[in-house]
Structures are given as structure tokens and as C-alpha cells.
Amino acid sequence: MKVLLFGSTGMLGQALVIELKKRNVTLYTASRENADFKVDFANKDSIETVLYKVKPDVIINTVANVNLQECENNPSIAYMINARAVSILAEYSLQHSTYLIQISTDHYYLNDHTKLHDELYPVRLVNEYARTKYAGECFALSSPKSLIIRTNIVGYRNKTNQPTFVEWVIKSLTNKESITLFNDFYTSSISVTQLSVILYDLLMKNVYGIFNIASKNVFSKQQFVQALSEKFDLDMSNSNTGSIHKNTQLMRADSLGLNVEKVEHVLGYEMPNLEQVVQDLYINYQEDLTSEI
């Protein structure tokens, strides 16, 4: 089985590379740099060149512009990356009967706190990021062999100038910096390594449509950081509580809990809870430290 992974140098992409190399697949990577193929995801010819060179059995797309403010400031660029590029992959999937896995988002729900939203729950598109990612989902579904994954991922990217949320939290708490924790922003985050294993298992089931892959629990960002600090034995004395909606004019979805019963039913096992997500982040952090010694 030939797998073509777009976005192989991103946070999820790196985790998928590690996981897929353990499996019985032939993996090809595509990114702006440091990959088997250099690709410009805003350029149709660049995308199609890679597709026709590899002729994959499976396409996994992790590429996205996830910066909400950038999407708001440049909606046409956000559309090119988050939606139009997906339509090119979907058309190839349709023509060549190729399995397309599109990594989407959970940024579709607000004002209902810890509610678990299933795949049929009505979405709300409150900003350009949500609009373009949802358009990407619709384009992907134009191919009958597409699998859309709604998720919220946490993990490590190991790029000094581009820290992930978890990397920023660990660094800030280690340095005893003052940070604001949101108690009104809810997610059901899952680690990228956990998602990579689950995604492969789902791929082997040969299923299509929209699936939520996330933690079983819904928790505020404040609760997540508190769990992280306890596991990593980090001091939170300089942290304070705040609102995600304060001092911003950008509309944000804030209730991102995902119901995972559908994927649990298909796979026959439970999704991780908050404690297991944090434990996985801790293990990965310790393994990375060991690799540097």
C-alpha cells in the first residue's frame, strides 16, 4: 500500500511519519521542505505533479492554515490552502479511486460549554478558518472514498521558533512566566501520537465519511494545563484565569467537545481520557529528552 502524506513536517505529520514507518506501507512525504517531494499547496500543478508521480493508494492531508487571525486577514489565502487544495485531492481521489483522508477541525461549536458534539450536530461558521475548513470537508466529500477526521490535537513540533501550545506551556511554567489560562474554552484534545495509531486502525477498516477522533473527556484549557502541570511537576503559581473572548474582536468557537461514540463503535475500543492524553505527552517528552542525551 502506497501512502502519500501531505504536510509531513507539521506536528501531526511528524507523528504520522513515525507511526506509518512502523506499518506495512510504502510512505511518501510531501511538504514545503525536508520531504520526499517539495510541494506548494497553493499551486494546483505542484499538487498534481506529486500525485501523478507517486500514484498513491491512500492520500493523507494534514496541511492547513490554522492561524485564525491570518485566515481572517487573508481569507483568499486561507481558502486556497484549507479548501481549494482539498478539491484537487478530492478530484484525483474520484478519478483514480484513491482513499482520501482529510484532517479537519473541531472549530464549529460555541456557547454550550462541555457538550459532546457528534458528527451530525449542526456546525456554526463564525470565522474564516471555520468557513474554509468546512468548505474543505465539503470538497473532500465529493469523492465517495473520502474520510474526514474532526479532531483537536496536542503534541510537539520541536521547532524553536514555532512552539506548539504544549511546548509553550511547558516552557512558560518551567521559566515561571506569567500566563493566562482560559476557563471558558473547552476542547477534547488528543495527542498526535494517539491520533496516528487510531487513524491507522480506522484506515484498515476502510470506512468513509466524517468521524470524530478525540479524547473521551471535555475540559477547559485551564483544566488541561493544570493536568499537564501536575504530571510534569511544574509550578503554576504565576498563572491566572482569563477569558478567550477578552480583548479580541475575532469571533471564536469555544465549545469544541467531540462525541467519539461512532469511532469507538467501529474500532471496538475506547478513546483516551484526559489522564491518558497527558500521560502520552509526558512519555513522548521523556523519550525526546533521552534521545538528546
Protein backbone atom coordinates (compact mmCIF):
# COMPACT_ATOMS: atom_id res chain seq x y z
CA MET A 1 0.00 0.00 0.00
CA LYS A 2 1.42 3.36 -1.07
CA VAL A 3 0.59 6.29 1.22
CA LEU A 4 1.22 9.91 0.22
CA LEU A 5 1.32 12.21 3.24
CA PHE A 6 0.90 15.94 2.62
CA GLY A 7 2.22 18.13 5.45
CA SER A 8 4.76 15.65 6.77
CA THR A 9 6.81 18.25 8.68
CA GLY A 10 3.94 19.60 10.78
CA MET A 11 3.05 18.49 14.30
CA LEU A 12 0.66 15.75 13.19
CA GLY A 13 2.65 14.99 10.06
CA GLN A 14 5.77 14.16 12.07
CA ALA A 15 3.82 11.80 14.31
CA LEU A 16 2.21 10.09 11.31
CA VAL A 17 5.60 9.57 9.66
CA ILE A 18 6.85 7.77 12.78
CA GLU A 19 3.71 5.63 13.05
CA LEU A 20 3.37 4.74 9.37
CA LYS A 21 7.01 3.71 9.11
CA LYS A 22 6.22 1.00 11.68
CA ARG A 23 3.48 -0.34 9.45
CA ASN A 24 3.45 -2.37 6.26
CA VAL A 25 3.14 0.67 3.99
CA THR A 26 5.31 2.45 1.47
CA LEU A 27 5.33 6.06 2.65
CA TYR A 28 5.97 9.14 0.53
CA THR A 29 6.08 12.58 2.14
CA ALA A 30 5.27 15.97 0.66
CA SER A 31 5.86 19.36 2.24
CA ARG A 32 7.41 22.75 1.54
CA GLU A 33 10.79 21.37 2.62
CA ASN A 34 12.50 18.35 4.19
CA ALA A 35 10.29 15.79 2.44
CA ASP A 36 10.42 13.33 -0.45
CA PHE A 37 8.59 15.88 -2.59
CA LYS A 38 8.55 19.64 -2.36
CA VAL A 39 5.03 20.94 -2.85
CA ASP A 40 3.33 24.32 -2.98
CA PHE A 41 -0.15 23.65 -1.63
CA ALA A 42 -1.46 26.86 -3.15
CA ASN A 43 -0.46 25.66 -6.63
CA LYS A 44 -2.62 23.14 -8.49
CA ASP A 45 0.17 21.99 -10.81
CA SER A 46 2.52 21.43 -7.87
CA ILE A 47 -0.03 19.23 -6.10
CA GLU A 48 -0.93 17.25 -9.21
CA THR A 49 2.72 16.69 -10.11
CA VAL A 50 3.27 14.89 -6.81
CA LEU A 51 0.05 12.91 -7.13
CA TYR A 52 0.86 11.61 -10.61
CA LYS A 53 4.46 10.80 -9.71
CA VAL A 54 3.52 8.74 -6.66
CA LYS A 55 0.15 7.34 -7.81
CA PRO A 56 -0.81 6.62 -4.19
CA ASP A 57 -3.37 4.18 -2.88
CA VAL A 58 -4.01 6.48 0.09
CA ILE A 59 -3.69 10.27 0.40
CA ILE A 60 -3.49 11.80 3.87
CA ASN A 61 -3.78 15.58 4.01
CA THR A 62 -2.67 17.34 7.20
CA VAL A 63 -1.91 20.70 5.56
CA ALA A 64 -3.87 23.70 6.85
CA ASN A 65 -3.57 27.33 7.76
CA VAL A 66 -4.65 27.11 11.41
CA ASN A 67 -3.81 30.68 12.41
CA LEU A 68 -7.24 32.20 12.98
CA GLN A 69 -6.11 35.79 12.63
CA GLU A 70 -4.17 35.11 9.43
CA CYS A 71 -7.23 33.42 7.95
CA GLU A 72 -9.34 36.43 8.90
CA ASN A 73 -6.85 38.88 7.43
CA ASN A 74 -6.28 36.89 4.22
CA PRO A 75 -9.41 34.83 3.50
CA SER A 76 -8.40 34.16 -0.10
CA ILE A 77 -5.13 32.57 1.01
CA ALA A 78 -6.95 30.57 3.69
CA TYR A 79 -9.37 29.33 1.03
CA MET A 80 -6.52 28.29 -1.26
CA ILE A 81 -4.89 26.15 1.43
CA ASN A 82 -7.82 24.93 3.51
CA ALA A 83 -10.38 24.36 0.77
CA ARG A 84 -9.27 24.68 -2.87
CA ALA A 85 -6.28 22.37 -2.42
CA VAL A 86 -8.59 19.74 -0.92
CA SER A 87 -10.81 19.94 -4.01
CA ILE A 88 -7.78 19.00 -6.14
CA LEU A 89 -7.07 15.98 -3.93
CA ALA A 90 -10.75 15.00 -4.00
CA GLU A 91 -10.90 15.16 -7.78
CA TYR A 92 -7.84 12.91 -8.03
CA SER A 93 -9.43 10.55 -5.49
CA LEU A 94 -12.62 10.45 -7.54
CA GLN A 95 -10.86 9.80 -10.84
CA HIS A 96 -8.44 7.16 -9.54
CA SER A 97 -10.49 5.56 -6.74
CA THR A 98 -7.87 6.65 -4.21
CA TYR A 99 -8.59 6.70 -0.49
CA LEU A 100 -8.51 10.34 0.71
CA ILE A 101 -8.11 11.15 4.41
CA GLN A 102 -8.70 14.81 5.19
CA ILE A 103 -7.75 16.13 8.63
CA SER A 104 -10.36 18.72 9.55
CA THR A 105 -11.16 20.68 12.71
CA ASP A 106 -13.50 20.91 15.70
CA HIS A 107 -13.84 24.70 15.41
CA TYR A 108 -17.59 24.55 14.71
CA TYR A 109 -19.41 24.88 18.04
CA LEU A 110 -19.93 27.57 20.68
CA ASN A 111 -21.84 28.62 23.77
CA ASP A 112 -22.57 25.11 25.06
CA HIS A 113 -19.52 24.52 27.25
CA THR A 114 -18.87 20.80 27.87
CA LYS A 115 -21.39 19.42 25.37
CA LEU A 116 -20.23 16.48 23.27
CA HIS A 117 -20.99 17.16 19.60
CA ASP A 118 -21.48 14.19 17.31
CA GLU A 119 -20.79 14.16 13.58
CA LEU A 120 -24.38 15.19 12.72
CA TYR A 121 -24.56 18.16 15.09
CA PRO A 122 -25.16 21.46 13.21
CA VAL A 123 -21.97 23.45 12.70
CA ARG A 124 -21.55 27.20 13.08
CA LEU A 125 -19.06 29.01 10.88
CA VAL A 126 -18.08 32.07 12.89
CA ASN A 127 -14.78 32.95 11.22
CA GLU A 128 -12.78 32.41 8.03
CA TYR A 129 -10.85 29.49 9.48
CA ALA A 130 -14.06 27.58 10.19
CA ARG A 131 -15.57 28.54 6.82
CA THR A 132 -12.56 27.41 4.81
CA LYS A 133 -12.06 24.18 6.76
CA TYR A 134 -15.74 23.31 6.37
CA ALA A 135 -15.50 24.05 2.65
CA GLY A 136 -12.57 21.64 2.59
CA GLU A 137 -14.77 18.98 4.18
CA CYS A 138 -17.44 19.52 1.53
CA PHE A 139 -14.88 19.25 -1.27
CA ALA A 140 -13.45 16.07 0.25
CA LEU A 141 -16.91 14.51 0.42
CA SER A 142 -17.29 14.96 -3.35
CA SER A 143 -15.22 11.76 -3.53
CA PRO A 144 -17.04 8.65 -2.28
CA LYS A 145 -13.73 7.30 -0.93
CA SER A 146 -13.03 10.14 1.48
CA LEU A 147 -12.62 10.05 5.26
CA ILE A 148 -12.87 13.35 7.14
CA ILE A 149 -11.38 13.48 10.64
CA ARG A 150 -12.62 16.14 13.06
CA THR A 151 -10.17 16.48 15.92
CA ASN A 152 -8.21 18.71 18.27
CA ILE A 153 -4.57 17.71 18.53
CA VAL A 154 -1.79 18.48 21.00
CA GLY A 155 1.85 17.50 20.89
CA TYR A 156 5.35 18.55 19.94
CA ARG A 157 6.83 20.01 16.77
CA ASN A 158 10.42 20.53 18.02
CA LYS A 159 10.89 23.79 16.12
CA THR A 160 12.31 26.52 18.36
CA ASN A 161 10.66 29.40 16.51
CA GLN A 162 7.29 27.63 16.18
CA PRO A 163 6.37 26.19 19.59
CA THR A 164 3.16 24.22 19.89
CA PHE A 165 0.68 25.02 22.65
CA VAL A 166 2.08 22.23 24.83
CA GLU A 167 5.67 23.32 24.20
CA TRP A 168 4.75 26.91 25.08
CA VAL A 169 3.04 25.83 28.31
CA ILE A 170 5.97 23.67 29.44
CA LYS A 171 8.50 26.40 28.67
CA SER A 172 6.42 29.14 30.33
CA LEU A 173 5.78 27.17 33.51
CA THR A 174 9.39 25.98 33.69
CA ASN A 175 10.57 29.59 33.47
CA LYS A 176 7.90 30.69 35.98
CA GLU A 177 6.43 33.15 33.49
CA SER A 178 3.02 34.71 33.98
CA ILE A 179 0.41 33.04 31.77
CA THR A 180 -3.34 33.37 31.39
CA LEU A 181 -5.42 30.19 31.35
CA PHE A 182 -8.83 30.17 29.69
CA ASN A 183 -11.65 28.72 31.77
CA ASP A 184 -14.28 29.31 29.06
CA PHE A 185 -12.64 27.48 26.14
CA TYR A 186 -13.47 23.76 26.04
CA THR A 187 -11.87 21.02 23.96
CA SER A 188 -11.46 17.25 23.88
CA SER A 189 -7.83 17.27 22.79
CA ILE A 190 -5.91 14.13 21.88
CA SER A 191 -2.17 13.69 21.41
CA VAL A 192 -0.83 13.40 17.86
CA THR A 193 0.74 10.02 18.63
CA GLN A 194 -2.58 8.65 19.88
CA LEU A 195 -4.38 10.06 16.84
CA SER A 196 -1.81 8.50 14.49
CA VAL A 197 -2.43 5.00 15.86
CA ILE A 198 -6.21 5.43 15.80
CA LEU A 199 -6.13 6.86 12.29
CA TYR A 200 -4.19 3.86 11.00
CA ASP A 201 -6.66 1.49 12.65
CA LEU A 202 -9.54 3.37 11.04
CA LEU A 203 -7.78 3.28 7.67
CA MET A 204 -7.61 -0.52 7.92
CA LYS A 205 -11.40 -0.60 8.44
CA ASN A 206 -11.89 1.01 5.01
CA VAL A 207 -14.60 3.39 6.24
CA TYR A 208 -15.70 6.69 4.73
CA GLY A 209 -17.50 9.85 5.82
CA ILE A 210 -16.98 12.08 8.86
CA PHE A 211 -15.51 10.75 12.10
CA ASN A 212 -14.62 12.47 15.37
CA ILE A 213 -11.31 11.33 16.87
CA ALA A 214 -10.68 12.95 20.23
CA SER A 215 -10.44 12.44 23.96
CA LYS A 216 -13.47 10.98 25.70
CA ASN A 217 -13.48 13.98 28.05
CA VAL A 218 -14.30 17.63 27.50
CA PHE A 219 -12.17 20.03 29.53
CA SER A 220 -11.27 23.70 29.62
CA LYS A 221 -7.82 24.83 28.56
CA GLN A 222 -7.24 25.73 32.20
CA GLN A 223 -8.07 22.18 33.30
CA PHE A 224 -5.80 20.76 30.60
CA VAL A 225 -2.85 22.91 31.70
CA GLN A 226 -3.49 22.02 35.34
CA ALA A 227 -3.39 18.30 34.48
CA LEU A 228 -0.22 18.87 32.45
CA SER A 229 1.47 20.81 35.25
CA GLU A 230 0.68 18.09 37.80
CA LYS A 231 2.10 15.35 35.59
CA PHE A 232 5.22 17.33 34.69
CA ASP A 233 5.60 18.69 38.24
CA LEU A 234 5.53 22.31 37.07
CA ASP A 235 4.74 25.36 39.22
CA MET A 236 1.52 27.19 38.28
CA SER A 237 1.77 29.94 40.90
CA ASN A 238 2.30 32.64 38.23
CA SER A 239 -0.75 31.63 36.20
CA ASN A 240 -4.07 33.43 36.25
CA THR A 241 -7.57 32.81 34.91
CA GLY A 242 -8.97 34.66 31.93
CA SER A 243 -11.46 34.53 29.06
CA ILE A 244 -10.68 33.57 25.48
CA HIS A 245 -13.09 36.29 24.35
CA LYS A 246 -11.42 39.15 26.22
CA ASN A 247 -9.57 41.83 24.25
CA THR A 248 -10.33 40.31 20.85
CA GLN A 249 -12.73 41.21 18.07
CA LEU A 250 -12.28 37.87 16.35
CA MET A 251 -15.23 35.52 16.77
CA ARG A 252 -14.07 32.13 18.07
CA ALA A 253 -15.79 28.84 18.58
CA ASP A 254 -15.33 27.98 22.26
CA SER A 255 -17.16 24.70 22.94
CA LEU A 256 -15.23 22.13 20.95
CA GLY A 257 -16.12 18.89 22.70
CA LEU A 258 -16.47 15.93 20.33
CA ASN A 259 -18.60 12.83 20.78
CA VAL A 260 -16.45 9.79 19.91
CA GLU A 261 -19.06 7.02 20.13
CA LYS A 262 -19.05 6.48 16.35
CA VAL A 263 -15.32 5.78 16.07
CA GLU A 264 -15.37 3.69 19.26
CA HIS A 265 -18.14 1.54 17.79
CA VAL A 266 -16.24 0.98 14.54
CA LEU A 267 -12.89 0.24 16.19
CA GLY A 268 -14.19 -1.66 19.19
CA TYR A 269 -12.14 0.22 21.76
CA GLU A 270 -12.41 3.43 23.77
CA MET A 271 -10.75 6.74 23.01
CA PRO A 272 -8.25 8.03 25.62
CA ASN A 273 -9.35 10.17 28.54
CA LEU A 274 -7.63 13.36 29.75
CA GLU A 275 -5.30 11.47 32.08
CA GLN A 276 -4.19 9.17 29.25
CA VAL A 277 -3.64 12.09 26.87
CA VAL A 278 -1.40 13.85 29.40
CA GLN A 279 0.41 10.59 30.17
CA ASP A 280 1.16 10.14 26.46
CA LEU A 281 2.50 13.70 26.24
CA TYR A 282 4.70 13.01 29.27
CA ILE A 283 6.09 9.78 27.79
CA ASN A 284 6.85 11.47 24.47
CA TYR A 285 8.57 14.35 26.27
CA GLN A 286 10.76 11.99 28.30
CA GLU A 287 11.65 9.95 25.22
CA ASP A 288 12.69 13.11 23.39
CA LEU A 289 14.90 14.13 26.32
CA THR A 290 16.50 10.68 26.36
CA SER A 291 17.20 10.84 22.62
CA GLU A 292 19.16 14.06 23.14
CA ILE A 293 21.49 12.55 25.80
